[in-house]
Protein backbone atom coordinates (compact mmCIF):
# COMPACT_ATOMS: atom_id res chain seq x y z
CA UNK A 1 -2.70 -11.22 -3.85
CA UNK A 2 -4.23 -7.98 -5.14
CA UNK A 3 -7.51 -8.56 -7.00
CA UNK A 4 -7.09 -5.35 -8.98
CA UNK A 5 -3.47 -6.09 -9.88
CA UNK A 6 -2.16 -2.62 -8.88
CA UNK A 7 0.86 -3.85 -6.96
CA UNK A 8 4.23 -4.60 -8.51
CA UNK A 9 7.72 -5.35 -7.15
CA UNK A 10 9.59 -2.12 -6.38
CA UNK A 11 13.21 -1.27 -7.19
CA UNK A 12 14.58 -1.44 -3.65
CA UNK A 13 15.67 -4.55 -1.79
CA UNK A 14 14.86 -4.85 1.92
CA UNK A 15 17.01 -6.55 4.52
CA UNK A 16 15.45 -9.95 3.62
CA UNK A 17 16.65 -9.50 0.02
CA UNK A 18 13.13 -9.09 -1.31
CA UNK A 19 11.75 -6.35 -3.51
CA UNK A 20 9.22 -4.19 -1.64
CA UNK A 21 5.83 -3.93 -3.34
CA UNK A 22 4.67 -0.62 -4.72
CA UNK A 23 1.56 0.69 -6.40
CA UNK A 24 1.84 0.89 -10.18
CA UNK A 25 2.10 4.50 -11.42
CA UNK A 26 -1.32 6.04 -12.03
CA UNK A 27 -3.21 3.07 -10.57
CA UNK A 28 -3.77 4.43 -7.03
CA UNK A 29 -7.46 5.12 -7.65
CA UNK A 30 -8.11 1.47 -8.52
CA UNK A 31 -7.50 0.30 -4.95
CA UNK A 32 -10.78 -1.06 -3.53
CA UNK A 33 -9.51 -1.11 0.07
CA UNK A 34 -10.01 -4.87 0.42
CA UNK A 35 -6.86 -5.11 2.58
CA UNK A 36 -5.78 -8.43 1.03
CA UNK A 37 -2.24 -7.03 0.74
CA UNK A 38 -2.25 -6.31 4.52
CA UNK A 39 -3.41 -9.82 5.36
CA UNK A 40 -1.00 -11.57 3.02
CA UNK A 41 2.17 -9.70 4.05
CA UNK A 42 4.05 -9.73 7.35
CA UNK A 43 2.76 -7.45 10.07
CA UNK A 44 3.37 -3.72 9.41
CA UNK A 45 4.90 -4.44 6.00
CA UNK A 46 1.94 -2.94 4.14
CA UNK A 47 -0.95 -0.94 5.52
CA UNK A 48 -3.88 0.74 3.84
CA UNK A 49 -4.69 4.38 4.71
CA UNK A 50 -8.10 5.69 3.74
CA UNK A 51 -7.80 8.97 1.81
CA UNK A 52 -10.49 10.63 4.03
CA UNK A 53 -8.62 9.55 7.17
CA UNK A 54 -5.35 10.83 5.77
CA UNK A 55 -6.83 14.27 4.94
CA UNK A 56 -8.40 14.57 8.42
CA UNK A 57 -5.01 13.74 10.04
CA UNK A 58 -3.39 16.49 7.96
CA UNK A 59 -6.05 18.99 9.12
CA UNK A 60 -5.40 18.01 12.73
CA UNK A 61 -1.67 18.67 12.35
CA UNK A 62 -2.12 22.25 11.15
């Protein structure tokens, strides 16, 4: 599902007995933000947060 191949099965099982996906260590910067992972997975399972949006949210909290 991920064109850059940065996702892998995690170590934790969820309540559906499936391994939650996680980003491979050190590969975070390779995400293109295409959102294919969001569209392929059930609603609210995975969501993409833009780094700029995340940093502006942190500034608003302080």
